[in-house]
Amino acid sequence: MSAVEKNRLRSEEIKPKIGSRILNSKEELLSGELSDEINALLEHRGVLIFPEIHFTDEEQLKFTGLLGGVAKEIRGEEVFKVSLDDTVNDKVAEYLKGSLYWHIDGTMNEVPIRASMLTAKVLSPEGGDTDFANTATSYEDLDDATKEKIADLRVVHSLWRSQFYHTPEPSMEQLEDWQSKGEAELPLVCTSKSGRKSMVLGNTAHYVKDVDPKESYRILHGLREFSTREPYNYTHKWTVGDTVIWNNRTSLHRATPYDPASGRMMHRTILPGVEAWEN
């Protein structure tokens, strides 16, 4: 293999509307020479798969940094161990139950994280796949009348709304804790610096402002249903050592159900945000 060939990003599309598989070696990825190409492809494809790359935590942190820096997790760590086991994550495990439903990370933040990166360390014998859906390509395929209808709509997002998906009858203590995390008002349609539009949806989307409640639910649920169906979705069936990175502004995602006691463990790093949600 010539030096020219070695330093070229090699990828293949997974589906026309979402996802690419990266075929370069770990050495090539960690050289930093491919970072600009990877970032451009991430913007275009939404989800990138690095099959059985087997990053150590140190390598994952280096790779994350090469793509745009490493943001601290909520408790200050740089590598977050994603597990539903409360002996691993204590009280955070309760909030992670919301990850079993379609969501976008960082809807409570004015500037959301740019991307998330997961590496599979331990898998569940059953379940534990990750579904992704592209809210940019699905937006592009909406009819003009729908685009016009939703162009200026504002949506209130709240963490506490997302928790009702897994705990529909919380105690008052739980409810007060959830509601203490705040709310955020975001555009339904956001525009990135590149000019690409996408939709901010998922289980934190509580209601559309100044719209009848029934119609609000119809709008949000209808767009979520449209965005998460074929051909905009992709299910990643993990192999130990896989790494996946997704564009947080254009990617809904969720884990498929699995036993919290199964030992399933993903190591996550996140890239700091550079763009606010506002269009």
Protein backbone atom coordinates (compact mmCIF):
# COMPACT_ATOMS: atom_id res chain seq x y z
CA MET A 1 0.00 0.00 0.00
CA SER A 2 1.45 3.38 -1.03
CA ALA A 3 1.66 6.32 1.38
CA VAL A 4 -1.03 8.08 -0.66
CA GLU A 5 -3.40 5.13 -0.31
CA LYS A 6 -2.61 4.67 3.37
CA ASN A 7 -3.44 8.28 4.26
CA ARG A 8 -6.80 8.25 2.50
CA LEU A 9 -10.07 7.78 4.38
CA ARG A 10 -11.66 4.54 3.27
CA SER A 11 -15.36 4.11 3.97
CA GLU A 12 -18.49 2.43 2.69
CA GLU A 13 -22.11 3.52 3.01
CA ILE A 14 -24.31 1.42 5.27
CA LYS A 15 -27.59 2.84 3.97
CA PRO A 16 -28.24 5.68 1.51
CA LYS A 17 -29.83 7.97 4.13
CA ILE A 18 -27.69 7.15 7.18
CA GLY A 19 -24.39 5.69 8.27
CA SER A 20 -20.93 4.85 6.95
CA ARG A 21 -18.43 2.18 7.96
CA ILE A 22 -14.80 3.28 8.29
CA LEU A 23 -12.22 0.76 7.06
CA ASN A 24 -8.95 2.41 8.12
CA SER A 25 -6.62 0.91 10.71
CA LYS A 26 -6.28 2.16 14.27
CA GLU A 27 -2.82 3.49 13.44
CA GLU A 28 -4.21 5.58 10.59
CA LEU A 29 -7.07 6.93 12.71
CA LEU A 30 -4.78 7.95 15.55
CA SER A 31 -2.31 9.68 13.24
CA GLY A 32 -4.62 12.68 13.01
CA GLU A 33 -4.18 12.89 9.25
CA LEU A 34 -7.75 11.76 8.59
CA SER A 35 -9.53 13.94 11.15
CA ASP A 36 -10.82 16.58 8.74
CA GLU A 37 -12.21 13.93 6.39
CA ILE A 38 -13.83 12.05 9.26
CA ASN A 39 -15.49 15.22 10.55
CA ALA A 40 -16.80 16.06 7.08
CA LEU A 41 -18.18 12.55 6.68
CA LEU A 42 -19.77 12.70 10.14
CA GLU A 43 -21.58 15.90 9.16
CA HIS A 44 -22.79 14.27 5.95
CA ARG A 45 -23.63 10.74 7.10
CA GLY A 46 -24.65 11.26 10.75
CA VAL A 47 -23.30 7.97 12.12
CA LEU A 48 -19.85 6.41 11.62
CA ILE A 49 -18.94 2.83 12.54
CA PHE A 50 -15.40 1.69 13.32
CA PRO A 51 -15.70 -2.13 13.43
CA GLU A 52 -13.67 -3.96 16.09
CA ILE A 53 -11.14 -1.15 16.37
CA HIS A 54 -10.59 -2.03 20.07
CA PHE A 55 -9.70 1.43 21.40
CA THR A 56 -8.32 1.55 24.91
CA ASP A 57 -9.63 4.46 26.99
CA GLU A 58 -6.41 6.36 26.28
CA GLU A 59 -6.74 5.76 22.54
CA GLN A 60 -10.41 6.73 22.53
CA LEU A 61 -9.58 9.97 24.34
CA LYS A 62 -6.83 10.70 21.84
CA PHE A 63 -9.12 10.00 18.88
CA THR A 64 -11.89 12.14 20.37
CA GLY A 65 -9.41 14.96 20.89
CA LEU A 66 -8.20 14.73 17.30
CA LEU A 67 -11.77 15.18 16.08
CA GLY A 68 -12.44 18.31 18.11
CA GLY A 69 -11.56 17.96 21.77
CA VAL A 70 -12.90 16.12 24.80
CA ALA A 71 -15.78 17.52 26.85
CA LYS A 72 -16.19 16.60 30.50
CA GLU A 73 -19.11 14.41 31.50
CA ILE A 74 -21.68 15.54 34.07
CA ARG A 75 -19.62 14.28 37.01
CA GLY A 76 -16.35 15.65 35.62
CA GLU A 77 -14.92 12.47 34.14
CA GLU A 78 -13.67 12.25 30.54
CA VAL A 79 -14.70 8.63 30.01
CA PHE A 80 -18.20 7.73 31.17
CA LYS A 81 -19.11 4.10 31.78
CA VAL A 82 -22.58 3.63 30.31
CA SER A 83 -24.42 0.99 32.30
CA LEU A 84 -27.95 0.56 33.64
CA ASP A 85 -26.53 -1.27 36.66
CA ASP A 86 -27.06 1.03 39.65
CA THR A 87 -24.06 -0.53 41.41
CA VAL A 88 -21.94 1.02 38.64
CA ASN A 89 -23.69 4.34 38.14
CA ASP A 90 -25.60 4.81 41.37
CA LYS A 91 -28.42 7.34 40.89
CA VAL A 92 -27.37 8.17 37.31
CA ALA A 93 -28.61 4.72 36.25
CA GLU A 94 -32.19 5.92 36.77
CA TYR A 95 -31.75 8.71 34.23
CA LEU A 96 -30.02 6.34 31.80
CA LYS A 97 -33.25 4.35 31.57
CA GLY A 98 -34.44 7.15 29.31
CA SER A 99 -31.79 6.02 26.81
CA LEU A 100 -34.07 3.12 25.89
CA TYR A 101 -36.32 5.60 24.04
CA TRP A 102 -35.59 7.85 21.09
CA HIS A 103 -33.67 10.92 22.24
CA ILE A 104 -31.04 13.51 21.40
CA ASP A 105 -28.35 14.31 23.97
CA GLY A 106 -28.01 17.76 25.45
CA THR A 107 -31.41 19.28 24.78
CA MET A 108 -31.18 21.02 28.16
CA ASN A 109 -28.05 22.87 27.03
CA GLU A 110 -27.90 26.06 24.98
CA VAL A 111 -24.91 24.61 23.14
CA PRO A 112 -25.32 20.82 22.86
CA ILE A 113 -22.41 18.42 22.53
CA ARG A 114 -21.28 18.04 18.93
CA ALA A 115 -20.95 14.26 18.93
CA SER A 116 -20.84 11.19 21.16
CA MET A 117 -18.48 8.23 20.81
CA LEU A 118 -19.16 4.77 22.27
CA THR A 119 -16.85 1.78 22.47
CA ALA A 120 -18.30 -1.62 23.34
CA LYS A 121 -16.52 -3.30 26.24
CA VAL A 122 -19.06 -5.87 27.47
CA LEU A 123 -22.25 -6.95 25.67
CA SER A 124 -25.57 -8.23 26.93
CA PRO A 125 -26.47 -11.79 25.83
CA GLU A 126 -29.79 -10.39 24.58
CA GLY A 127 -30.74 -6.90 23.44
CA GLY A 128 -28.50 -3.90 23.89
CA ASP A 129 -28.29 -2.95 20.22
CA THR A 130 -28.34 0.76 19.39
CA ASP A 131 -30.86 2.29 16.99
CA PHE A 132 -30.03 5.50 15.14
CA ALA A 133 -32.20 7.79 13.00
CA ASN A 134 -31.18 10.75 10.86
CA THR A 135 -33.24 13.89 11.43
CA ALA A 136 -31.48 15.79 8.63
CA THR A 137 -32.14 13.41 5.74
CA SER A 138 -35.68 12.85 7.02
CA TYR A 139 -36.24 16.61 7.18
CA GLU A 140 -35.03 16.94 3.59
CA ASP A 141 -37.69 14.45 2.50
CA LEU A 142 -40.62 16.19 4.18
CA ASP A 143 -43.13 17.71 1.79
CA ASP A 144 -43.02 21.47 1.35
CA ALA A 145 -46.30 22.04 3.19
CA THR A 146 -44.98 20.30 6.32
CA LYS A 147 -41.68 22.18 6.15
CA GLU A 148 -43.58 25.46 6.00
CA LYS A 149 -45.86 24.43 8.88
CA ILE A 150 -43.01 23.58 11.26
CA ALA A 151 -40.46 26.18 10.15
CA ASP A 152 -40.94 28.58 13.06
CA LEU A 153 -42.31 26.29 15.75
CA ARG A 154 -40.75 26.31 19.21
CA VAL A 155 -40.67 23.27 21.49
CA VAL A 156 -40.21 23.08 25.26
CA HIS A 157 -37.87 20.23 26.22
CA SER A 158 -37.59 18.79 29.72
CA LEU A 159 -35.69 15.94 31.29
CA TRP A 160 -38.68 15.13 33.49
CA ARG A 161 -40.85 14.47 30.44
CA SER A 162 -38.40 11.81 29.27
CA GLN A 163 -38.48 10.00 32.61
CA PHE A 164 -42.20 9.29 32.32
CA TYR A 165 -41.43 6.87 29.49
CA HIS A 166 -39.94 4.36 31.92
CA THR A 167 -41.57 5.46 35.22
CA PRO A 168 -45.13 6.61 34.49
CA GLU A 169 -46.12 6.77 38.17
CA PRO A 170 -43.20 8.41 39.99
CA SER A 171 -43.16 9.40 43.63
CA MET A 172 -43.30 13.10 44.42
CA GLU A 173 -39.65 12.89 45.45
CA GLN A 174 -38.73 11.51 42.04
CA LEU A 175 -40.84 14.08 40.21
CA GLU A 176 -39.35 16.99 42.14
CA ASP A 177 -35.85 15.68 41.44
CA TRP A 178 -36.58 15.34 37.70
CA GLN A 179 -38.15 18.78 37.50
CA SER A 180 -35.17 20.37 39.25
CA LYS A 181 -33.09 19.64 36.13
CA GLY A 182 -34.82 22.46 34.27
CA GLU A 183 -36.37 23.01 30.87
CA ALA A 184 -35.28 24.54 27.58
CA GLU A 185 -37.12 26.14 24.70
CA LEU A 186 -35.64 25.12 21.34
CA PRO A 187 -36.51 25.50 17.67
CA LEU A 188 -38.18 22.43 16.18
CA VAL A 189 -36.04 22.94 13.09
CA CYS A 190 -32.42 23.93 13.68
CA THR A 191 -29.87 25.02 11.09
CA SER A 192 -26.17 24.23 11.39
CA LYS A 193 -23.39 26.54 10.24
CA SER A 194 -23.15 24.42 7.11
CA GLY A 195 -26.72 25.45 6.29
CA ARG A 196 -28.12 21.96 6.81
CA LYS A 197 -31.44 21.73 8.60
CA SER A 198 -32.50 19.00 11.01
CA MET A 199 -35.23 18.42 13.59
CA VAL A 200 -34.84 18.44 17.37
CA LEU A 201 -37.09 15.61 18.53
CA GLY A 202 -37.15 12.73 21.01
CA ASN A 203 -38.39 11.92 24.47
CA THR A 204 -37.42 15.28 25.99
CA ALA A 205 -39.69 17.14 23.52
CA HIS A 206 -42.54 18.06 25.84
CA TYR A 207 -44.86 20.33 23.86
CA VAL A 208 -44.99 22.81 21.00
CA LYS A 209 -45.46 26.35 22.25
CA ASP A 210 -48.70 28.15 21.44
CA VAL A 211 -50.24 25.05 19.88
CA ASP A 212 -53.27 23.08 21.10
CA PRO A 213 -52.02 20.14 23.23
CA LYS A 214 -53.58 17.48 20.99
CA GLU A 215 -52.08 19.06 17.89
CA SER A 216 -48.75 19.44 19.68
CA TYR A 217 -48.62 15.71 20.33
CA ARG A 218 -49.62 14.96 16.75
CA ILE A 219 -46.80 17.13 15.41
CA LEU A 220 -44.07 15.76 17.66
CA HIS A 221 -45.10 12.11 17.48
CA GLY A 222 -45.75 12.29 13.75
CA LEU A 223 -42.32 13.74 12.99
CA ARG A 224 -40.61 11.26 15.28
CA GLU A 225 -42.42 8.37 13.61
CA PHE A 226 -41.48 9.68 10.16
CA SER A 227 -37.82 10.27 11.08
CA THR A 228 -37.26 6.89 12.74
CA ARG A 229 -38.69 4.68 10.01
CA GLU A 230 -37.07 3.36 6.86
CA PRO A 231 -34.98 4.60 5.12
CA TYR A 232 -33.66 6.96 7.83
CA ASN A 233 -32.85 4.43 10.55
CA TYR A 234 -30.00 2.05 11.26
CA THR A 235 -29.61 -0.55 14.01
CA HIS A 236 -26.07 -1.27 15.12
CA LYS A 237 -25.60 -4.80 16.42
CA TRP A 238 -22.52 -4.50 18.55
CA THR A 239 -19.37 -6.60 18.54
CA VAL A 240 -16.91 -6.14 21.40
CA GLY A 241 -14.37 -3.55 20.31
CA ASP A 242 -16.68 -1.64 17.98
CA THR A 243 -16.62 2.15 18.22
CA VAL A 244 -19.49 4.29 16.95
CA ILE A 245 -19.62 8.08 16.72
CA TRP A 246 -22.71 10.08 15.83
CA ASN A 247 -23.50 13.69 15.01
CA ASN A 248 -25.61 14.76 17.96
CA ARG A 249 -27.41 17.55 16.09
CA THR A 250 -28.77 15.20 13.41
CA SER A 251 -29.09 11.84 15.18
CA LEU A 252 -31.84 10.41 17.30
CA HIS A 253 -30.71 7.26 19.08
CA ARG A 254 -31.83 4.67 21.63
CA ALA A 255 -30.62 1.41 23.13
CA THR A 256 -32.81 -1.65 22.64
CA PRO A 257 -33.96 -3.23 25.95
CA TYR A 258 -31.53 -5.42 27.86
CA ASP A 259 -31.09 -6.81 31.37
CA PRO A 260 -29.46 -4.15 33.61
CA ALA A 261 -27.67 -6.97 35.44
CA SER A 262 -26.19 -8.36 32.20
CA GLY A 263 -22.93 -6.45 32.61
CA ARG A 264 -23.35 -4.52 29.35
CA MET A 265 -20.76 -1.76 29.38
CA MET A 266 -20.01 1.00 26.91
CA HIS A 267 -17.31 3.61 27.37
CA ARG A 268 -18.39 7.05 26.17
CA THR A 269 -16.48 10.16 25.28
CA ILE A 270 -18.08 13.35 23.99
CA LEU A 271 -16.97 16.16 21.70
CA PRO A 272 -17.70 19.70 22.90
CA GLY A 273 -20.39 21.66 21.14
CA VAL A 274 -19.58 24.51 18.79
CA GLU A 275 -23.08 25.54 17.68
CA ALA A 276 -26.18 26.54 19.60
CA TRP A 277 -29.52 24.93 18.76
CA GLU A 278 -30.95 28.22 17.56
CA ASN A 279 -31.51 28.52 13.83
